[in-house]
Amino acid sequence: MHSIELYFLLFISYSVFGWVMEVIVKFIQYKRFINRGFLIGPYCPIYGFGALFITLLLNKYIEYPMLLFIVAIIICSILEYMTSLVLEKIYHARWWDYSNKKFNLNGRICVNTMIPFGILGMIMMYVFNPLVFKFYNYLNINTLNIICIIIFSIFLFDLITSLIVLGEIRKDNKVLDKDNTEEMRRKVREIILSRGLLHRRLLRAYPNFRYIGIIVKKNINKAKRHKDKIIKKISKK
């Protein structure tokens, strides 16, 4: 039976691993370093939570690789979808969007990310978890507690600071002019860039950041065009 301290270190370990993976992918895509994630430090908590859920829920399926693969995909997809939905509801912004990808669900998840999550889940359960738990189990309880207290304090400070930054961005969104889509996109970037270093870092971390009003505006315009077509058809008849 693993202790809470070990699970916390597992969460941090995979959060850091996820951050490293995201940085590598974005470096290949944009040819420059991008500090991914909402937090300042080198960790992406969504990967840590995914690792915790998979570890806690799928340990009983360790003898069934195919079932583990499928359930890992389901767990990670639900987590990614709900994270996107909650962030959008709170901050009125879309931080990532897979709408241009094939086989996506509301632009929040897509097959391109679901399959790799399943593969990572299997690698984690069969390779990384045994090594991670073995390493942390070598530490005595006092050392383990000290490490956890230090890391948790840093993480908590980072989380509070980052939430303050996100809260300011949310306030900025409310003062935007919603009549012009392109103007709105430009103002979003200008407001964030005009603020401090942490705001600019967040914008660089998510180059595809979009104020949700832009998406709503597009949908309204699309609905208007559809309505005009129907009116023309009715008029002809």
C-alpha atoms as a PDB file:
ATOM      1  CA  MET A   1       0.000   0.000   0.000  1.00  0.00           C
ATOM      2  CA  HIS A   2       1.492   3.316  -1.095  1.00  0.00           C
ATOM      3  CA  SER A   3       1.348   6.432   1.073  1.00  0.00           C
ATOM      4  CA  ILE A   4      -0.151   9.796   0.187  1.00  0.00           C
ATOM      5  CA  GLU A   5       3.398  11.192  -0.055  1.00  0.00           C
ATOM      6  CA  LEU A   6       4.297   8.648  -2.737  1.00  0.00           C
ATOM      7  CA  TYR A   7       1.180   9.433  -4.745  1.00  0.00           C
ATOM      8  CA  PHE A   8       1.914  13.153  -4.499  1.00  0.00           C
ATOM      9  CA  LEU A   9       5.456  12.569  -5.791  1.00  0.00           C
ATOM     10  CA  LEU A  10       3.990  10.402  -8.541  1.00  0.00           C
ATOM     11  CA  PHE A  11       1.694  13.287  -9.476  1.00  0.00           C
ATOM     12  CA  ILE A  12       4.629  15.730  -9.586  1.00  0.00           C
ATOM     13  CA  SER A  13       6.860  13.294 -11.494  1.00  0.00           C
ATOM     14  CA  TYR A  14       4.341  12.796 -14.299  1.00  0.00           C
ATOM     15  CA  SER A  15       3.443  16.492 -14.324  1.00  0.00           C
ATOM     16  CA  VAL A  16       7.110  17.233 -15.036  1.00  0.00           C
ATOM     17  CA  PHE A  17       7.284  14.415 -17.601  1.00  0.00           C
ATOM     18  CA  GLY A  18       4.200  15.828 -19.355  1.00  0.00           C
ATOM     19  CA  TRP A  19       5.746  19.304 -19.385  1.00  0.00           C
ATOM     20  CA  VAL A  20       8.961  17.951 -20.944  1.00  0.00           C
ATOM     21  CA  MET A  21       6.961  16.105 -23.597  1.00  0.00           C
ATOM     22  CA  GLU A  22       4.871  19.201 -24.405  1.00  0.00           C
ATOM     23  CA  VAL A  23       7.987  21.382 -24.660  1.00  0.00           C
ATOM     24  CA  ILE A  24       9.639  18.919 -27.067  1.00  0.00           C
ATOM     25  CA  VAL A  25       6.529  18.705 -29.264  1.00  0.00           C
ATOM     26  CA  LYS A  26       6.150  22.510 -29.404  1.00  0.00           C
ATOM     27  CA  PHE A  27       9.866  22.977 -30.057  1.00  0.00           C
ATOM     28  CA  ILE A  28       9.535  20.718 -33.111  1.00  0.00           C
ATOM     29  CA  GLN A  29       6.418  22.611 -34.197  1.00  0.00           C
ATOM     30  CA  TYR A  30       7.563  26.211 -33.594  1.00  0.00           C
ATOM     31  CA  LYS A  31      11.382  25.792 -33.572  1.00  0.00           C
ATOM     32  CA  ARG A  32      11.702  27.575 -30.235  1.00  0.00           C
ATOM     33  CA  PHE A  33      11.350  26.897 -26.516  1.00  0.00           C
ATOM     34  CA  ILE A  34       7.844  27.371 -25.123  1.00  0.00           C
ATOM     35  CA  ASN A  35       7.129  26.998 -21.415  1.00  0.00           C
ATOM     36  CA  ARG A  36       3.920  24.992 -21.684  1.00  0.00           C
ATOM     37  CA  GLY A  37       1.136  24.845 -19.135  1.00  0.00           C
ATOM     38  CA  PHE A  38      -0.730  27.342 -16.970  1.00  0.00           C
ATOM     39  CA  LEU A  39       1.812  27.222 -14.158  1.00  0.00           C
ATOM     40  CA  ILE A  40       5.166  28.979 -14.082  1.00  0.00           C
ATOM     41  CA  GLY A  41       7.206  25.936 -13.073  1.00  0.00           C
ATOM     42  CA  PRO A  42       8.135  22.960 -15.285  1.00  0.00           C
ATOM     43  CA  TYR A  43       5.010  20.884 -14.787  1.00  0.00           C
ATOM     44  CA  CYS A  44       1.629  20.278 -16.439  1.00  0.00           C
ATOM     45  CA  PRO A  45      -0.796  19.047 -13.748  1.00  0.00           C
ATOM     46  CA  ILE A  46      -3.196  17.517 -16.279  1.00  0.00           C
ATOM     47  CA  TYR A  47      -0.595  14.804 -16.918  1.00  0.00           C
ATOM     48  CA  GLY A  48      -0.116  14.292 -13.188  1.00  0.00           C
ATOM     49  CA  PHE A  49      -3.854  13.850 -12.630  1.00  0.00           C
ATOM     50  CA  GLY A  50      -4.068  11.527 -15.618  1.00  0.00           C
ATOM     51  CA  ALA A  51      -1.246   9.408 -14.184  1.00  0.00           C
ATOM     52  CA  LEU A  52      -2.953   9.265 -10.773  1.00  0.00           C
ATOM     53  CA  PHE A  53      -6.300   8.202 -12.224  1.00  0.00           C
ATOM     54  CA  ILE A  54      -4.687   5.537 -14.407  1.00  0.00           C
ATOM     55  CA  THR A  55      -2.563   4.219 -11.517  1.00  0.00           C
ATOM     56  CA  LEU A  56      -5.464   4.084  -9.065  1.00  0.00           C
ATOM     57  CA  LEU A  57      -8.117   2.770 -11.440  1.00  0.00           C
ATOM     58  CA  LEU A  58      -6.217   0.464 -13.790  1.00  0.00           C
ATOM     59  CA  ASN A  59      -3.938  -1.445 -11.443  1.00  0.00           C
ATOM     60  CA  LYS A  60      -6.445  -4.315 -11.399  1.00  0.00           C
ATOM     61  CA  TYR A  61      -6.236  -4.542 -15.215  1.00  0.00           C
ATOM     62  CA  ILE A  62      -2.456  -4.908 -15.288  1.00  0.00           C
ATOM     63  CA  GLU A  63      -2.777  -8.451 -16.701  1.00  0.00           C
ATOM     64  CA  TYR A  64      -4.991  -7.265 -19.584  1.00  0.00           C
ATOM     65  CA  PRO A  65      -2.888  -4.940 -21.806  1.00  0.00           C
ATOM     66  CA  MET A  66      -5.572  -4.331 -24.448  1.00  0.00           C
ATOM     67  CA  LEU A  67      -8.229  -3.483 -21.872  1.00  0.00           C
ATOM     68  CA  LEU A  68      -5.749  -1.235 -20.053  1.00  0.00           C
ATOM     69  CA  PHE A  69      -4.971   0.543 -23.345  1.00  0.00           C
ATOM     70  CA  ILE A  70      -8.655   1.214 -24.081  1.00  0.00           C
ATOM     71  CA  VAL A  71      -9.567   2.344 -20.559  1.00  0.00           C
ATOM     72  CA  ALA A  72      -6.467   4.608 -20.433  1.00  0.00           C
ATOM     73  CA  ILE A  73      -7.708   6.314 -23.608  1.00  0.00           C
ATOM     74  CA  ILE A  74     -11.158   6.797 -22.059  1.00  0.00           C
ATOM     75  CA  ILE A  75      -9.773   8.213 -18.786  1.00  0.00           C
ATOM     76  CA  CYS A  76      -7.370  10.654 -20.468  1.00  0.00           C
ATOM     77  CA  SER A  77      -9.941  11.756 -23.052  1.00  0.00           C
ATOM     78  CA  ILE A  78     -12.545  12.509 -20.359  1.00  0.00           C
ATOM     79  CA  LEU A  79      -9.919  14.400 -18.355  1.00  0.00           C
ATOM     80  CA  GLU A  80      -8.809  16.487 -21.350  1.00  0.00           C
ATOM     81  CA  TYR A  81     -12.390  17.197 -22.429  1.00  0.00           C
ATOM     82  CA  MET A  82     -13.543  18.226 -18.951  1.00  0.00           C
ATOM     83  CA  THR A  83     -10.427  20.378 -18.389  1.00  0.00           C
ATOM     84  CA  SER A  84     -11.086  22.237 -21.643  1.00  0.00           C
ATOM     85  CA  LEU A  85     -14.774  22.654 -20.785  1.00  0.00           C
ATOM     86  CA  VAL A  86     -14.170  23.900 -17.227  1.00  0.00           C
ATOM     87  CA  LEU A  87     -11.461  26.369 -18.310  1.00  0.00           C
ATOM     88  CA  GLU A  88     -13.737  27.678 -21.040  1.00  0.00           C
ATOM     89  CA  LYS A  89     -16.630  28.155 -18.623  1.00  0.00           C
ATOM     90  CA  ILE A  90     -14.463  29.927 -16.043  1.00  0.00           C
ATOM     91  CA  TYR A  91     -12.211  32.067 -18.255  1.00  0.00           C
ATOM     92  CA  HIS A  92     -14.394  32.369 -21.383  1.00  0.00           C
ATOM     93  CA  ALA A  93     -11.460  31.259 -23.530  1.00  0.00           C
ATOM     94  CA  ARG A  94     -10.479  28.265 -25.638  1.00  0.00           C
ATOM     95  CA  TRP A  95      -6.896  27.337 -24.753  1.00  0.00           C
ATOM     96  CA  TRP A  96      -6.526  24.517 -27.283  1.00  0.00           C
ATOM     97  CA  ASP A  97      -8.707  23.609 -30.222  1.00  0.00           C
ATOM     98  CA  TYR A  98      -8.696  20.473 -32.377  1.00  0.00           C
ATOM     99  CA  SER A  99     -11.533  21.626 -34.640  1.00  0.00           C
ATOM    100  CA  ASN A 100      -9.262  21.430 -37.691  1.00  0.00           C
ATOM    101  CA  LYS A 101      -8.324  17.828 -36.876  1.00  0.00           C
ATOM    102  CA  LYS A 102     -10.201  14.797 -38.139  1.00  0.00           C
ATOM    103  CA  PHE A 103     -12.413  12.841 -35.724  1.00  0.00           C
ATOM    104  CA  ASN A 104     -12.582  15.513 -33.026  1.00  0.00           C
ATOM    105  CA  LEU A 105     -15.290  16.063 -30.421  1.00  0.00           C
ATOM    106  CA  ASN A 106     -16.254  19.743 -30.126  1.00  0.00           C
ATOM    107  CA  GLY A 107     -12.601  20.638 -30.767  1.00  0.00           C
ATOM    108  CA  ARG A 108     -11.656  19.508 -27.246  1.00  0.00           C
ATOM    109  CA  ILE A 109     -10.312  16.026 -27.963  1.00  0.00           C
ATOM    110  CA  CYS A 110      -9.353  14.144 -31.115  1.00  0.00           C
ATOM    111  CA  VAL A 111      -8.013  10.771 -32.223  1.00  0.00           C
ATOM    112  CA  ASN A 112      -4.535  12.284 -32.732  1.00  0.00           C
ATOM    113  CA  THR A 113      -4.198  12.740 -28.966  1.00  0.00           C
ATOM    114  CA  MET A 114      -6.358   9.849 -27.743  1.00  0.00           C
ATOM    115  CA  ILE A 115      -4.243   7.024 -29.215  1.00  0.00           C
ATOM    116  CA  PRO A 116      -0.917   8.385 -27.845  1.00  0.00           C
ATOM    117  CA  PHE A 117      -2.548   8.708 -24.402  1.00  0.00           C
ATOM    118  CA  GLY A 118      -3.418   5.017 -24.508  1.00  0.00           C
ATOM    119  CA  ILE A 119       0.142   4.104 -25.454  1.00  0.00           C
ATOM    120  CA  LEU A 120       1.568   6.352 -22.734  1.00  0.00           C
ATOM    121  CA  GLY A 121      -0.788   4.778 -20.221  1.00  0.00           C
ATOM    122  CA  MET A 122       0.578   1.326 -21.024  1.00  0.00           C
ATOM    123  CA  ILE A 123       4.210   2.483 -20.875  1.00  0.00           C
ATOM    124  CA  MET A 124       3.493   4.168 -17.564  1.00  0.00           C
ATOM    125  CA  MET A 125       1.885   1.103 -15.971  1.00  0.00           C
ATOM    126  CA  TYR A 126       4.387  -1.481 -17.250  1.00  0.00           C
ATOM    127  CA  VAL A 127       7.649   0.495 -17.255  1.00  0.00           C
ATOM    128  CA  PHE A 128       7.653   3.839 -15.410  1.00  0.00           C
ATOM    129  CA  ASN A 129       5.460   3.133 -12.373  1.00  0.00           C
ATOM    130  CA  PRO A 130       7.530   0.198 -11.076  1.00  0.00           C
ATOM    131  CA  LEU A 131      10.714   2.291 -11.426  1.00  0.00           C
ATOM    132  CA  VAL A 132       9.194   5.430  -9.870  1.00  0.00           C
ATOM    133  CA  PHE A 133       7.735   3.615  -6.855  1.00  0.00           C
ATOM    134  CA  LYS A 134      10.935   1.607  -6.409  1.00  0.00           C
ATOM    135  CA  PHE A 135      13.011   4.795  -6.362  1.00  0.00           C
ATOM    136  CA  TYR A 136      10.771   6.669  -3.904  1.00  0.00           C
ATOM    137  CA  ASN A 137      10.448   3.603  -1.652  1.00  0.00           C
ATOM    138  CA  TYR A 138      14.220   3.730  -1.120  1.00  0.00           C
ATOM    139  CA  LEU A 139      13.807   7.057   0.694  1.00  0.00           C
ATOM    140  CA  ASN A 140      13.227   7.004   4.430  1.00  0.00           C
ATOM    141  CA  ILE A 141      10.024   8.560   5.747  1.00  0.00           C
ATOM    142  CA  ASN A 142      11.657  11.744   7.095  1.00  0.00           C
ATOM    143  CA  THR A 143      13.432  12.476   3.809  1.00  0.00           C
ATOM    144  CA  LEU A 144      10.211  11.747   1.939  1.00  0.00           C
ATOM    145  CA  ASN A 145       8.222  14.158   4.120  1.00  0.00           C
ATOM    146  CA  ILE A 146      10.793  16.967   3.741  1.00  0.00           C
ATOM    147  CA  ILE A 147      10.854  16.581  -0.049  1.00  0.00           C
ATOM    148  CA  CYS A 148       7.044  16.590  -0.192  1.00  0.00           C
ATOM    149  CA  ILE A 149       6.739  19.699   2.005  1.00  0.00           C
ATOM    150  CA  ILE A 150       9.272  21.654  -0.095  1.00  0.00           C
ATOM    151  CA  ILE A 151       7.758  20.636  -3.434  1.00  0.00           C
ATOM    152  CA  PHE A 152       4.177  21.196  -2.232  1.00  0.00           C
ATOM    153  CA  SER A 153       5.050  24.695  -0.934  1.00  0.00           C
ATOM    154  CA  ILE A 154       6.604  25.655  -4.276  1.00  0.00           C
ATOM    155  CA  PHE A 155       3.708  24.132  -6.190  1.00  0.00           C
ATOM    156  CA  LEU A 156       1.085  25.896  -4.042  1.00  0.00           C
ATOM    157  CA  PHE A 157       2.786  29.293  -4.444  1.00  0.00           C
ATOM    158  CA  ASP A 158       3.009  28.713  -8.197  1.00  0.00           C
ATOM    159  CA  LEU A 159      -0.661  27.700  -8.368  1.00  0.00           C
ATOM    160  CA  ILE A 160      -1.888  30.785  -6.472  1.00  0.00           C
ATOM    161  CA  THR A 161       0.252  33.134  -8.586  1.00  0.00           C
ATOM    162  CA  SER A 162      -0.916  31.548 -11.830  1.00  0.00           C
ATOM    163  CA  LEU A 163      -4.591  31.690 -10.805  1.00  0.00           C
ATOM    164  CA  ILE A 164      -4.204  35.413 -10.095  1.00  0.00           C
ATOM    165  CA  VAL A 165      -2.777  35.910 -13.602  1.00  0.00           C
ATOM    166  CA  LEU A 166      -5.622  33.910 -15.158  1.00  0.00           C
ATOM    167  CA  GLY A 167      -8.142  35.903 -13.122  1.00  0.00           C
ATOM    168  CA  GLU A 168      -6.799  39.168 -14.558  1.00  0.00           C
ATOM    169  CA  ILE A 169      -7.076  37.777 -18.085  1.00  0.00           C
ATOM    170  CA  ARG A 170     -10.683  36.855 -17.358  1.00  0.00           C
ATOM    171  CA  LYS A 171     -11.393  40.461 -16.272  1.00  0.00           C
ATOM    172  CA  ASP A 172      -9.762  41.740 -19.467  1.00  0.00           C
ATOM    173  CA  ASN A 173     -12.079  39.568 -21.585  1.00  0.00           C
ATOM    174  CA  LYS A 174     -15.159  41.333 -20.197  1.00  0.00           C
ATOM    175  CA  VAL A 175     -14.135  44.764 -21.518  1.00  0.00           C
ATOM    176  CA  LEU A 176     -13.578  43.639 -25.102  1.00  0.00           C
ATOM    177  CA  ASP A 177     -15.630  44.873 -28.033  1.00  0.00           C
ATOM    178  CA  LYS A 178     -17.620  41.867 -29.263  1.00  0.00           C
ATOM    179  CA  ASP A 179     -18.781  43.413 -32.557  1.00  0.00           C
ATOM    180  CA  ASN A 180     -15.688  42.650 -34.607  1.00  0.00           C
ATOM    181  CA  THR A 181     -14.024  39.250 -34.544  1.00  0.00           C
ATOM    182  CA  GLU A 182     -10.601  40.302 -35.848  1.00  0.00           C
ATOM    183  CA  GLU A 183     -10.542  43.403 -33.665  1.00  0.00           C
ATOM    184  CA  MET A 184     -11.432  41.290 -30.656  1.00  0.00           C
ATOM    185  CA  ARG A 185      -8.595  38.827 -31.350  1.00  0.00           C
ATOM    186  CA  ARG A 186      -6.132  41.707 -31.695  1.00  0.00           C
ATOM    187  CA  LYS A 187      -7.268  43.318 -28.436  1.00  0.00           C
ATOM    188  CA  VAL A 188      -6.933  40.043 -26.543  1.00  0.00           C
ATOM    189  CA  ARG A 189      -3.287  39.764 -27.537  1.00  0.00           C
ATOM    190  CA  GLU A 190      -2.585  43.455 -26.922  1.00  0.00           C
ATOM    191  CA  ILE A 191      -4.030  43.370 -23.398  1.00  0.00           C
ATOM    192  CA  ILE A 192      -2.093  40.264 -22.412  1.00  0.00           C
ATOM    193  CA  LEU A 193       1.163  41.500 -23.952  1.00  0.00           C
ATOM    194  CA  SER A 194       0.809  44.861 -22.212  1.00  0.00           C
ATOM    195  CA  ARG A 195       0.817  43.172 -18.824  1.00  0.00           C
ATOM    196  CA  GLY A 196       3.677  41.538 -16.957  1.00  0.00           C
ATOM    197  CA  LEU A 197       6.050  38.752 -17.844  1.00  0.00           C
ATOM    198  CA  LEU A 198       3.752  36.030 -16.479  1.00  0.00           C
ATOM    199  CA  HIS A 199       0.909  37.111 -18.771  1.00  0.00           C
ATOM    200  CA  ARG A 200       3.192  37.108 -21.811  1.00  0.00           C
ATOM    201  CA  ARG A 201       4.507  33.677 -20.844  1.00  0.00           C
ATOM    202  CA  LEU A 202       0.963  32.321 -20.771  1.00  0.00           C
ATOM    203  CA  LEU A 203       0.246  33.683 -24.238  1.00  0.00           C
ATOM    204  CA  ARG A 204       3.449  32.121 -25.576  1.00  0.00           C
ATOM    205  CA  ALA A 205       2.532  28.833 -23.893  1.00  0.00           C
ATOM    206  CA  TYR A 206      -0.771  28.748 -25.778  1.00  0.00           C
ATOM    207  CA  PRO A 207      -0.245  30.366 -29.211  1.00  0.00           C
ATOM    208  CA  ASN A 208      -3.739  29.265 -30.276  1.00  0.00           C
ATOM    209  CA  PHE A 209      -5.431  30.981 -27.313  1.00  0.00           C
ATOM    210  CA  ARG A 210      -8.765  32.442 -28.364  1.00  0.00           C
ATOM    211  CA  TYR A 211     -11.295  34.465 -26.437  1.00  0.00           C
ATOM    212  CA  ILE A 212     -14.490  32.411 -26.529  1.00  0.00           C
ATOM    213  CA  GLY A 213     -16.380  35.433 -27.855  1.00  0.00           C
ATOM    214  CA  ILE A 214     -14.552  34.909 -31.144  1.00  0.00           C
ATOM    215  CA  ILE A 215     -15.946  31.386 -31.398  1.00  0.00           C
ATOM    216  CA  VAL A 216     -19.433  32.555 -30.419  1.00  0.00           C
ATOM    217  CA  LYS A 217     -19.253  35.378 -32.956  1.00  0.00           C
ATOM    218  CA  LYS A 218     -18.348  32.943 -35.729  1.00  0.00           C
ATOM    219  CA  ASN A 219     -21.239  30.659 -34.803  1.00  0.00           C
ATOM    220  CA  ILE A 220     -23.664  33.609 -34.781  1.00  0.00           C
ATOM    221  CA  ASN A 221     -22.484  34.721 -38.229  1.00  0.00           C
ATOM    222  CA  LYS A 222     -22.793  31.168 -39.501  1.00  0.00           C
ATOM    223  CA  ALA A 223     -26.361  30.957 -38.149  1.00  0.00           C
ATOM    224  CA  LYS A 224     -27.240  34.306 -39.774  1.00  0.00           C
ATOM    225  CA  ARG A 225     -25.950  33.127 -43.156  1.00  0.00           C
ATOM    226  CA  HIS A 226     -27.966  29.937 -42.812  1.00  0.00           C
ATOM    227  CA  LYS A 227     -31.066  31.956 -41.904  1.00  0.00           C
ATOM    228  CA  ASP A 228     -30.602  34.219 -44.962  1.00  0.00           C
ATOM    229  CA  LYS A 229     -30.397  31.165 -47.228  1.00  0.00           C
ATOM    230  CA  ILE A 230     -33.641  29.777 -45.809  1.00  0.00           C
ATOM    231  CA  ILE A 231     -35.406  33.151 -46.250  1.00  0.00           C
ATOM    232  CA  LYS A 232     -34.283  33.312 -49.909  1.00  0.00           C
ATOM    233  CA  LYS A 233     -35.593  29.797 -50.542  1.00  0.00           C
ATOM    234  CA  ILE A 234     -38.930  30.658 -48.948  1.00  0.00           C
ATOM    235  CA  SER A 235     -39.151  33.896 -50.998  1.00  0.00           C
ATOM    236  CA  LYS A 236     -38.550  32.011 -54.243  1.00  0.00           C
ATOM    237  CA  LYS A 237     -41.267  29.485 -53.403  1.00  0.00           C
END
